[in-house]
Protein backbone atom coordinates (compact mmCIF):
# COMPACT_ATOMS: atom_id res chain seq x y z
CA MET A 1 61.47 142.85 -204.71
CA GLU A 2 61.26 140.14 -202.05
CA ALA A 3 62.97 136.87 -202.39
CA THR A 4 61.14 133.97 -202.16
CA GLU A 5 61.66 130.17 -202.03
CA ASP A 6 61.13 130.35 -205.90
CA SER A 7 63.07 133.05 -207.12
CA ALA A 8 65.85 131.41 -204.93
CA ASP A 9 65.50 128.33 -206.87
CA ARG A 10 65.41 130.22 -210.03
CA CYS A 11 68.98 132.23 -209.21
CA THR A 12 70.74 128.97 -208.13
CA PRO A 13 74.12 128.73 -210.30
CA ILE A 14 74.41 125.44 -213.07
CA ALA A 15 76.47 123.22 -212.18
CA ARG A 16 79.82 123.07 -214.61
CA VAL A 17 80.08 119.96 -216.86
CA SER A 18 83.35 119.16 -217.78
CA TYR A 19 83.88 119.22 -221.45
CA THR A 20 84.62 115.14 -221.79
CA ASP A 21 81.58 114.86 -219.59
CA GLN A 22 79.82 116.66 -222.36
CA ASN A 23 81.39 114.49 -224.98
CA ARG A 24 80.22 111.48 -222.95
CA GLN A 25 76.56 112.81 -222.94
CA ARG A 26 76.53 113.39 -226.43
CA GLY A 27 77.82 110.12 -227.20
CA GLN A 28 81.09 111.68 -228.82
CA ILE A 29 84.56 110.54 -228.57
CA ASP A 30 87.47 112.19 -226.92
CA GLY A 31 90.10 113.43 -228.87
CA GLN A 32 92.98 111.60 -226.90
CA TYR A 33 91.70 108.51 -227.44
CA VAL A 34 91.47 109.07 -230.91
CA LEU A 35 95.26 110.37 -230.98
CA GLY A 36 95.97 107.52 -228.74
CA ALA A 37 94.71 105.04 -231.33
CA PHE A 38 96.52 106.48 -233.67
CA ILE A 39 100.04 106.48 -232.22
CA ALA A 40 99.27 103.09 -230.78
CA VAL A 41 98.79 101.94 -234.58
CA ILE A 42 102.07 103.37 -235.56
CA LEU A 43 103.87 101.84 -232.83
CA ALA A 44 102.00 98.10 -233.31
CA SER A 45 102.88 97.76 -237.29
CA PRO A 46 106.59 98.04 -236.94
CA LEU A 47 106.52 95.15 -234.40
CA ALA A 48 104.29 92.86 -235.36
CA THR A 49 106.38 93.41 -238.47
CA ALA A 50 109.18 92.53 -236.93
CA ALA A 51 107.47 89.54 -234.78
CA VAL A 52 106.36 88.06 -238.20
CA GLU A 53 109.86 88.42 -239.66
CA MET A 54 111.64 87.00 -236.45
CA GLN A 55 109.00 83.89 -236.59
CA HIS A 56 109.22 83.41 -240.26
CA HIS A 57 113.36 82.86 -239.84
CA LEU A 58 113.07 81.04 -236.69
CA SER A 59 110.54 78.20 -238.43
CA ALA A 60 113.39 78.15 -241.09
CA VAL A 61 115.61 76.74 -238.60
CA THR A 62 115.28 72.77 -238.10
CA GLY A 63 115.35 73.14 -234.35
CA PHE A 64 112.17 74.98 -233.89
CA SER A 65 108.71 74.19 -235.01
CA TRP A 66 106.44 76.93 -236.02
CA LEU A 67 104.78 77.14 -232.97
CA SER A 68 107.58 77.47 -230.68
CA ALA A 69 108.92 80.13 -233.37
CA THR A 70 106.05 82.08 -232.99
CA LEU A 71 105.82 81.92 -229.16
CA LEU A 72 109.59 82.83 -229.11
CA ALA A 73 108.88 85.98 -231.47
CA GLY A 74 106.08 87.08 -229.32
CA LEU A 75 108.34 87.06 -226.32
CA ILE A 76 110.72 88.94 -227.83
CA VAL A 77 108.64 91.45 -229.15
CA ALA A 78 107.01 91.57 -225.53
CA VAL A 79 110.04 91.99 -223.82
CA MET A 80 110.97 95.34 -226.38
CA VAL A 81 107.71 96.89 -225.69
CA ALA A 82 108.10 96.08 -221.68
CA ALA A 83 112.06 97.90 -222.26
CA ALA A 84 110.12 100.96 -224.08
CA LEU A 85 107.70 101.10 -221.29
CA GLU A 86 110.19 100.72 -218.37
CA GLU A 87 111.18 104.31 -218.90
CA VAL A 88 107.58 105.81 -219.07
C-alpha cells in the first residue's frame, strides 16, 4: 500500500492529555484539592476556637476594648500559623 498524505494524517499519534487536564475538561474537581480543603478545615477549626477564646478573655480585661482584643487575638493566631508554616 502506498503511503499518501491522508493515510499519514490518520496514523499520527493522538496527543496525550494528563489526568488533571481531563478532569478540568469534564468540570470535575481534582482529588488533591478536596483533600487540601479537608485538611485546611481540620486545622482552621482549632485556630478559630483559640482566637475566639483569646478575644473573649482579653475583652473581659478592663484595659482592652473588644476591637483591640479581636486584633490582638488575630495577630497571635497569625503568628502561630506563620511559625507552623515556616518549617514547610
